[in-house]
Amino acid sequence: MEINETELKTILECSETETHEQLKELLKELTIKIKFKEHGLYFDEDRDTRNIYEITIRRDNKAIKFKFGDSIKNAEEGKEPRVYDILTCVKMDYNCPDNFKDFCEYGYDEDSRKAETTFKRSLRQSGKLHLILNDDEVKILPD
């Protein structure tokens, strides 16, 4: 999927001005495919359903796939996720803490098996993202 001008404008508006050229170059190297999978519960704590997508990000000869739970609001309004939405989640997932205690500082219960499962899933996701992005590149992604 090529990023259209509207998407690019949103991405750049939510990133640091001094990194715009670097970000444009990075985005040229990435191919992002968004495929609808199902409508259902995504997070363990979900009470409302949302659209769940399979995201494929390709760069050079590498590709990673992961599930993406879009916002409940987008599901209600019949909207698909924007590349911006995916990139902001990629930035957060890339920086997943490498130990459970630090992960729980995001609001998870250290005594919860569900939280531990979420941590392990997040850690795997982070590992995938490290295959196609580096620390400097992730820093320039939108917040």
N, C-alpha and C. Protein backbone atom coordinates (compact mmCIF):
# COMPACT_ATOMS: atom_id res chain seq x y z
N MET A 1 0.85 -1.18 0.00
CA MET A 1 0.00 0.00 0.00
C MET A 1 0.89 1.24 0.00
N GLU A 2 0.68 2.07 -0.96
CA GLU A 2 1.42 3.33 -1.03
C GLU A 2 0.69 4.35 -0.16
N ILE A 3 1.44 5.13 0.56
CA ILE A 3 0.86 6.13 1.45
C ILE A 3 0.43 7.33 0.62
N ASN A 4 -0.86 7.66 0.68
CA ASN A 4 -1.36 8.79 -0.10
C ASN A 4 -1.02 10.12 0.60
N GLU A 5 -1.26 11.20 -0.10
CA GLU A 5 -0.89 12.54 0.40
C GLU A 5 -1.60 12.89 1.70
N THR A 6 -2.88 12.52 1.82
CA THR A 6 -3.63 12.81 3.05
C THR A 6 -3.01 12.09 4.24
N GLU A 7 -2.69 10.80 4.04
CA GLU A 7 -2.06 10.01 5.10
C GLU A 7 -0.70 10.61 5.47
N LEU A 8 0.08 10.95 4.46
CA LEU A 8 1.41 11.51 4.70
C LEU A 8 1.31 12.81 5.48
N LYS A 9 0.35 13.65 5.13
CA LYS A 9 0.17 14.92 5.83
C LYS A 9 -0.14 14.67 7.31
N THR A 10 -1.02 13.72 7.61
CA THR A 10 -1.36 13.39 9.00
C THR A 10 -0.13 12.89 9.74
N ILE A 11 0.61 12.00 9.11
CA ILE A 11 1.82 11.44 9.74
C ILE A 11 2.82 12.54 10.04
N LEU A 12 3.05 13.42 9.10
CA LEU A 12 4.03 14.49 9.29
C LEU A 12 3.58 15.52 10.32
N GLU A 13 2.27 15.80 10.37
CA GLU A 13 1.76 16.75 11.37
C GLU A 13 1.99 16.25 12.80
N CYS A 14 2.08 14.95 12.96
CA CYS A 14 2.23 14.37 14.29
C CYS A 14 3.65 13.88 14.56
N SER A 15 4.59 14.41 13.81
CA SER A 15 5.99 14.06 14.04
C SER A 15 6.81 15.34 14.12
N GLU A 16 8.02 15.21 14.59
CA GLU A 16 8.91 16.36 14.75
C GLU A 16 9.28 16.94 13.38
N THR A 17 9.16 18.24 13.24
CA THR A 17 9.44 18.91 11.96
C THR A 17 10.84 18.60 11.45
N GLU A 18 11.83 18.58 12.32
CA GLU A 18 13.20 18.38 11.87
C GLU A 18 13.46 16.97 11.34
N THR A 19 12.52 16.04 11.53
CA THR A 19 12.71 14.67 11.04
C THR A 19 11.84 14.35 9.83
N HIS A 20 11.13 15.33 9.29
CA HIS A 20 10.20 15.06 8.19
C HIS A 20 10.87 14.40 6.98
N GLU A 21 12.02 14.90 6.58
CA GLU A 21 12.68 14.32 5.40
C GLU A 21 13.11 12.89 5.67
N GLN A 22 13.65 12.63 6.86
CA GLN A 22 14.06 11.27 7.22
C GLN A 22 12.84 10.35 7.24
N LEU A 23 11.75 10.84 7.79
CA LEU A 23 10.53 10.04 7.88
C LEU A 23 9.97 9.73 6.49
N LYS A 24 9.98 10.71 5.61
CA LYS A 24 9.52 10.48 4.23
C LYS A 24 10.35 9.39 3.56
N GLU A 25 11.66 9.44 3.76
CA GLU A 25 12.54 8.42 3.17
C GLU A 25 12.26 7.04 3.76
N LEU A 26 12.07 6.97 5.06
CA LEU A 26 11.76 5.69 5.71
C LEU A 26 10.44 5.13 5.16
N LEU A 27 9.44 5.97 5.05
CA LEU A 27 8.13 5.51 4.58
C LEU A 27 8.20 5.01 3.13
N LYS A 28 9.11 5.54 2.33
CA LYS A 28 9.29 5.05 0.96
C LYS A 28 9.83 3.62 0.95
N GLU A 29 10.56 3.25 2.01
CA GLU A 29 11.15 1.92 2.10
C GLU A 29 10.19 0.87 2.62
N LEU A 30 9.09 1.30 3.23
CA LEU A 30 8.15 0.38 3.84
C LEU A 30 6.92 0.18 2.97
N THR A 31 6.47 -1.05 2.88
CA THR A 31 5.19 -1.36 2.27
C THR A 31 4.30 -1.89 3.39
N ILE A 32 3.15 -1.26 3.56
CA ILE A 32 2.26 -1.63 4.65
C ILE A 32 0.94 -2.13 4.05
N LYS A 33 0.61 -3.37 4.36
CA LYS A 33 -0.63 -3.98 3.86
C LYS A 33 -1.58 -4.17 5.04
N ILE A 34 -2.82 -3.75 4.85
CA ILE A 34 -3.84 -3.84 5.89
C ILE A 34 -4.93 -4.78 5.39
N LYS A 35 -5.15 -5.88 6.10
CA LYS A 35 -6.14 -6.87 5.68
C LYS A 35 -7.12 -7.14 6.83
N PHE A 36 -8.41 -6.91 6.57
CA PHE A 36 -9.43 -7.17 7.60
C PHE A 36 -9.47 -8.66 7.90
N LYS A 37 -9.50 -9.01 9.20
CA LYS A 37 -9.57 -10.41 9.61
C LYS A 37 -10.92 -10.75 10.23
N GLU A 38 -11.34 -9.93 11.22
CA GLU A 38 -12.58 -10.25 11.92
C GLU A 38 -13.04 -9.08 12.77
N HIS A 39 -14.25 -9.18 13.25
CA HIS A 39 -14.81 -8.20 14.18
C HIS A 39 -15.01 -8.96 15.49
N GLY A 40 -14.37 -8.48 16.56
CA GLY A 40 -14.49 -9.19 17.83
C GLY A 40 -13.76 -8.49 18.94
N LEU A 41 -13.53 -9.24 20.02
CA LEU A 41 -12.78 -8.73 21.16
C LEU A 41 -11.29 -8.91 20.86
N TYR A 42 -10.51 -7.89 21.13
CA TYR A 42 -9.08 -7.94 20.81
C TYR A 42 -8.23 -8.04 22.08
N PHE A 43 -8.41 -7.09 22.98
CA PHE A 43 -7.68 -7.09 24.24
C PHE A 43 -8.46 -7.89 25.28
N ASP A 44 -7.74 -8.47 26.23
CA ASP A 44 -8.40 -9.24 27.29
C ASP A 44 -9.44 -8.42 28.03
N GLU A 45 -9.18 -7.13 28.17
CA GLU A 45 -10.09 -6.28 28.94
C GLU A 45 -11.20 -5.66 28.09
N ASP A 46 -11.24 -5.97 26.79
CA ASP A 46 -12.28 -5.42 25.92
C ASP A 46 -13.68 -5.85 26.36
N ARG A 47 -14.58 -4.89 26.33
CA ARG A 47 -16.00 -5.18 26.56
C ARG A 47 -16.80 -4.94 25.29
N ASP A 48 -16.24 -4.10 24.43
CA ASP A 48 -16.86 -3.81 23.14
C ASP A 48 -16.00 -4.42 22.04
N THR A 49 -16.66 -4.77 20.94
CA THR A 49 -15.93 -5.36 19.83
C THR A 49 -15.30 -4.28 18.96
N ARG A 50 -14.32 -4.70 18.22
CA ARG A 50 -13.60 -3.80 17.32
C ARG A 50 -13.19 -4.60 16.09
N ASN A 51 -12.75 -3.91 15.07
CA ASN A 51 -12.24 -4.58 13.88
C ASN A 51 -10.79 -4.98 14.11
N ILE A 52 -10.48 -6.20 13.71
CA ILE A 52 -9.14 -6.74 13.88
C ILE A 52 -8.56 -6.98 12.49
N TYR A 53 -7.36 -6.50 12.29
CA TYR A 53 -6.70 -6.56 10.99
C TYR A 53 -5.40 -7.35 11.10
N GLU A 54 -4.98 -7.87 9.97
CA GLU A 54 -3.63 -8.43 9.86
C GLU A 54 -2.81 -7.38 9.12
N ILE A 55 -1.74 -6.96 9.74
CA ILE A 55 -0.85 -5.96 9.15
C ILE A 55 0.42 -6.66 8.69
N THR A 56 0.81 -6.37 7.47
CA THR A 56 2.09 -6.86 6.95
C THR A 56 2.93 -5.65 6.61
N ILE A 57 4.13 -5.63 7.16
CA ILE A 57 5.08 -4.56 6.84
C ILE A 57 6.27 -5.22 6.17
N ARG A 58 6.57 -4.74 4.98
CA ARG A 58 7.71 -5.25 4.21
C ARG A 58 8.76 -4.15 4.07
N ARG A 59 10.01 -4.62 4.12
CA ARG A 59 11.14 -3.73 3.88
C ARG A 59 12.25 -4.57 3.30
N ASP A 60 12.71 -4.18 2.14
CA ASP A 60 13.72 -4.96 1.43
C ASP A 60 13.22 -6.40 1.28
N ASN A 61 13.97 -7.36 1.75
CA ASN A 61 13.56 -8.75 1.61
C ASN A 61 12.97 -9.32 2.90
N LYS A 62 12.60 -8.45 3.83
CA LYS A 62 12.03 -8.89 5.11
C LYS A 62 10.57 -8.48 5.20
N ALA A 63 9.79 -9.32 5.86
CA ALA A 63 8.38 -8.98 6.09
C ALA A 63 7.98 -9.51 7.46
N ILE A 64 7.15 -8.73 8.14
CA ILE A 64 6.59 -9.17 9.41
C ILE A 64 5.08 -9.03 9.32
N LYS A 65 4.38 -9.88 10.08
CA LYS A 65 2.92 -9.82 10.16
C LYS A 65 2.53 -9.79 11.62
N PHE A 66 1.45 -9.05 11.88
CA PHE A 66 0.92 -9.02 13.24
C PHE A 66 -0.54 -8.59 13.19
N LYS A 67 -1.24 -8.90 14.26
CA LYS A 67 -2.63 -8.48 14.39
C LYS A 67 -2.68 -7.06 14.93
N PHE A 68 -3.69 -6.33 14.50
CA PHE A 68 -3.88 -4.96 14.93
C PHE A 68 -5.35 -4.77 15.28
N GLY A 69 -5.63 -4.42 16.53
CA GLY A 69 -6.99 -4.13 16.95
C GLY A 69 -7.25 -2.65 16.81
N ASP A 70 -8.09 -2.29 15.85
CA ASP A 70 -8.38 -0.88 15.59
C ASP A 70 -9.25 -0.32 16.70
N SER A 71 -9.43 0.99 16.69
CA SER A 71 -10.24 1.63 17.72
C SER A 71 -11.71 1.21 17.60
N ILE A 72 -12.38 1.18 18.72
CA ILE A 72 -13.80 0.85 18.75
C ILE A 72 -14.58 1.91 17.98
N LYS A 73 -14.16 3.16 18.09
CA LYS A 73 -14.82 4.25 17.37
C LYS A 73 -14.79 4.02 15.86
N ASN A 74 -13.62 3.63 15.34
CA ASN A 74 -13.53 3.36 13.91
C ASN A 74 -14.48 2.23 13.51
N ALA A 75 -14.59 1.20 14.35
CA ALA A 75 -15.50 0.09 14.04
C ALA A 75 -16.94 0.59 13.99
N GLU A 76 -17.31 1.43 14.95
CA GLU A 76 -18.67 1.96 14.99
C GLU A 76 -18.98 2.83 13.78
N GLU A 77 -17.96 3.56 13.30
CA GLU A 77 -18.14 4.48 12.17
C GLU A 77 -17.83 3.84 10.82
N GLY A 78 -17.45 2.55 10.83
CA GLY A 78 -17.15 1.86 9.58
C GLY A 78 -15.89 2.32 8.90
N LYS A 79 -14.95 2.83 9.67
CA LYS A 79 -13.69 3.33 9.11
C LYS A 79 -12.59 2.29 9.26
N GLU A 80 -11.67 2.29 8.32
CA GLU A 80 -10.48 1.46 8.41
C GLU A 80 -9.39 2.23 9.16
N PRO A 81 -8.40 1.51 9.69
CA PRO A 81 -7.31 2.22 10.37
C PRO A 81 -6.47 2.99 9.36
N ARG A 82 -5.89 4.08 9.82
CA ARG A 82 -4.98 4.86 9.01
C ARG A 82 -3.57 4.33 9.22
N VAL A 83 -2.70 4.57 8.28
CA VAL A 83 -1.30 4.19 8.44
C VAL A 83 -0.73 4.88 9.68
N TYR A 84 -1.16 6.11 9.91
CA TYR A 84 -0.74 6.85 11.11
C TYR A 84 -1.05 6.03 12.37
N ASP A 85 -2.27 5.48 12.46
CA ASP A 85 -2.67 4.70 13.64
C ASP A 85 -1.74 3.51 13.84
N ILE A 86 -1.42 2.86 12.75
CA ILE A 86 -0.55 1.68 12.81
C ILE A 86 0.86 2.08 13.24
N LEU A 87 1.38 3.16 12.67
CA LEU A 87 2.74 3.59 13.00
C LEU A 87 2.88 4.02 14.46
N THR A 88 1.86 4.67 15.01
CA THR A 88 1.96 5.06 16.42
C THR A 88 1.97 3.82 17.32
N CYS A 89 1.21 2.81 16.95
CA CYS A 89 1.24 1.56 17.72
C CYS A 89 2.57 0.83 17.55
N VAL A 90 3.11 0.87 16.34
CA VAL A 90 4.42 0.27 16.08
C VAL A 90 5.46 0.90 16.99
N LYS A 91 5.42 2.22 17.12
CA LYS A 91 6.38 2.92 17.96
C LYS A 91 6.27 2.46 19.42
N MET A 92 5.06 2.34 19.90
CA MET A 92 4.86 1.88 21.28
C MET A 92 5.29 0.43 21.45
N ASP A 93 4.88 -0.43 20.52
CA ASP A 93 5.20 -1.85 20.62
C ASP A 93 6.69 -2.11 20.52
N TYR A 94 7.37 -1.36 19.68
CA TYR A 94 8.81 -1.52 19.51
C TYR A 94 9.53 -1.31 20.84
N ASN A 95 9.03 -0.36 21.62
CA ASN A 95 9.68 0.02 22.87
C ASN A 95 9.12 -0.72 24.08
N CYS A 96 8.59 -1.91 23.86
CA CYS A 96 8.06 -2.71 24.97
C CYS A 96 9.18 -2.99 25.98
N PRO A 97 8.92 -2.76 27.27
CA PRO A 97 9.94 -3.09 28.28
C PRO A 97 10.31 -4.57 28.20
N ASP A 98 11.54 -4.89 28.53
CA ASP A 98 11.98 -6.28 28.42
C ASP A 98 11.79 -7.08 29.70
N ASN A 99 11.15 -6.46 30.72
CA ASN A 99 10.82 -7.25 31.90
C ASN A 99 9.40 -6.93 32.36
N PHE A 100 8.78 -7.92 32.97
CA PHE A 100 7.36 -7.85 33.32
C PHE A 100 7.06 -6.73 34.31
N LYS A 101 7.94 -6.52 35.28
CA LYS A 101 7.70 -5.48 36.29
C LYS A 101 7.59 -4.10 35.64
N ASP A 102 8.52 -3.78 34.74
CA ASP A 102 8.47 -2.49 34.05
C ASP A 102 7.23 -2.39 33.15
N PHE A 103 6.87 -3.50 32.52
CA PHE A 103 5.67 -3.53 31.67
C PHE A 103 4.42 -3.18 32.49
N CYS A 104 4.37 -3.66 33.71
CA CYS A 104 3.20 -3.43 34.56
C CYS A 104 3.04 -1.95 34.94
N GLU A 105 4.07 -1.16 34.76
CA GLU A 105 3.95 0.27 35.02
C GLU A 105 3.00 0.95 34.04
N TYR A 106 2.63 0.26 32.96
CA TYR A 106 1.64 0.77 32.01
C TYR A 106 0.21 0.52 32.49
N GLY A 107 0.07 0.06 33.73
CA GLY A 107 -1.26 -0.12 34.31
C GLY A 107 -1.68 -1.57 34.47
N TYR A 108 -0.77 -2.51 34.28
CA TYR A 108 -1.10 -3.93 34.43
C TYR A 108 -0.80 -4.40 35.84
N ASP A 109 -1.53 -5.42 36.27
CA ASP A 109 -1.39 -6.01 37.60
C ASP A 109 -0.27 -7.06 37.57
N GLU A 110 0.72 -6.89 38.43
CA GLU A 110 1.84 -7.83 38.48
C GLU A 110 1.42 -9.24 38.87
N ASP A 111 0.27 -9.39 39.51
CA ASP A 111 -0.21 -10.70 39.93
C ASP A 111 -1.19 -11.33 38.93
N SER A 112 -1.32 -10.75 37.77
CA SER A 112 -2.30 -11.21 36.79
C SER A 112 -1.65 -12.08 35.71
N ARG A 113 -2.22 -13.26 35.51
CA ARG A 113 -1.74 -14.13 34.43
C ARG A 113 -2.09 -13.53 33.07
N LYS A 114 -3.23 -12.84 32.99
CA LYS A 114 -3.62 -12.19 31.73
C LYS A 114 -2.60 -11.10 31.38
N ALA A 115 -2.16 -10.35 32.39
CA ALA A 115 -1.16 -9.31 32.15
C ALA A 115 0.15 -9.93 31.68
N GLU A 116 0.51 -11.06 32.27
CA GLU A 116 1.74 -11.73 31.86
C GLU A 116 1.64 -12.24 30.41
N THR A 117 0.48 -12.74 30.05
CA THR A 117 0.25 -13.18 28.67
C THR A 117 0.35 -12.01 27.71
N THR A 118 -0.25 -10.88 28.08
CA THR A 118 -0.18 -9.67 27.26
C THR A 118 1.27 -9.21 27.12
N PHE A 119 2.02 -9.27 28.22
CA PHE A 119 3.44 -8.89 28.19
C PHE A 119 4.21 -9.77 27.21
N LYS A 120 4.01 -11.08 27.27
CA LYS A 120 4.73 -11.99 26.38
C LYS A 120 4.37 -11.74 24.92
N ARG A 121 3.09 -11.46 24.66
CA ARG A 121 2.65 -11.16 23.30
C ARG A 121 3.30 -9.85 22.82
N SER A 122 3.35 -8.86 23.71
CA SER A 122 3.96 -7.57 23.37
C SER A 122 5.45 -7.71 23.12
N LEU A 123 6.09 -8.53 23.89
CA LEU A 123 7.53 -8.76 23.73
C LEU A 123 7.83 -9.43 22.38
N ARG A 124 6.99 -10.40 21.99
CA ARG A 124 7.15 -11.03 20.67
C ARG A 124 6.95 -10.01 19.55
N GLN A 125 5.94 -9.16 19.72
CA GLN A 125 5.67 -8.10 18.74
C GLN A 125 6.87 -7.17 18.62
N SER A 126 7.44 -6.79 19.74
CA SER A 126 8.61 -5.92 19.74
C SER A 126 9.76 -6.58 18.99
N GLY A 127 9.96 -7.87 19.23
CA GLY A 127 11.03 -8.60 18.55
C GLY A 127 10.86 -8.58 17.03
N LYS A 128 9.62 -8.74 16.57
CA LYS A 128 9.36 -8.70 15.13
C LYS A 128 9.73 -7.33 14.57
N LEU A 129 9.31 -6.29 15.25
CA LEU A 129 9.56 -4.93 14.77
C LEU A 129 11.04 -4.61 14.72
N HIS A 130 11.81 -5.18 15.64
CA HIS A 130 13.26 -4.97 15.64
C HIS A 130 13.93 -5.58 14.41
N LEU A 131 13.24 -6.48 13.72
CA LEU A 131 13.80 -7.09 12.52
C LEU A 131 13.81 -6.14 11.33
N ILE A 132 12.90 -5.16 11.32
CA ILE A 132 12.82 -4.28 10.15
C ILE A 132 13.05 -2.80 10.45
N LEU A 133 13.13 -2.45 11.73
CA LEU A 133 13.37 -1.06 12.12
C LEU A 133 14.50 -1.00 13.14
N ASN A 134 15.14 0.15 13.23
CA ASN A 134 16.14 0.33 14.28
C ASN A 134 15.71 1.46 15.21
N ASP A 135 16.43 1.65 16.29
CA ASP A 135 16.07 2.63 17.31
C ASP A 135 15.92 4.04 16.74
N ASP A 136 16.86 4.45 15.89
CA ASP A 136 16.81 5.80 15.32
C ASP A 136 15.57 5.99 14.43
N GLU A 137 15.22 4.95 13.68
CA GLU A 137 14.05 5.04 12.81
C GLU A 137 12.75 5.12 13.61
N VAL A 138 12.69 4.36 14.67
CA VAL A 138 11.47 4.37 15.50
C VAL A 138 11.29 5.72 16.18
N LYS A 139 12.38 6.36 16.54
CA LYS A 139 12.29 7.67 17.19
C LYS A 139 11.61 8.71 16.31
N ILE A 140 11.71 8.58 14.99
CA ILE A 140 11.13 9.59 14.10
C ILE A 140 9.69 9.27 13.70
N LEU A 141 9.17 8.11 14.12
CA LEU A 141 7.77 7.79 13.82
C LEU A 141 6.86 8.73 14.60
N PRO A 142 5.64 8.93 14.10
CA PRO A 142 4.73 9.88 14.79
C PRO A 142 4.31 9.38 16.17
N ASP A 143 4.01 10.33 17.06
CA ASP A 143 3.53 10.00 18.40
C ASP A 143 2.01 9.93 18.42
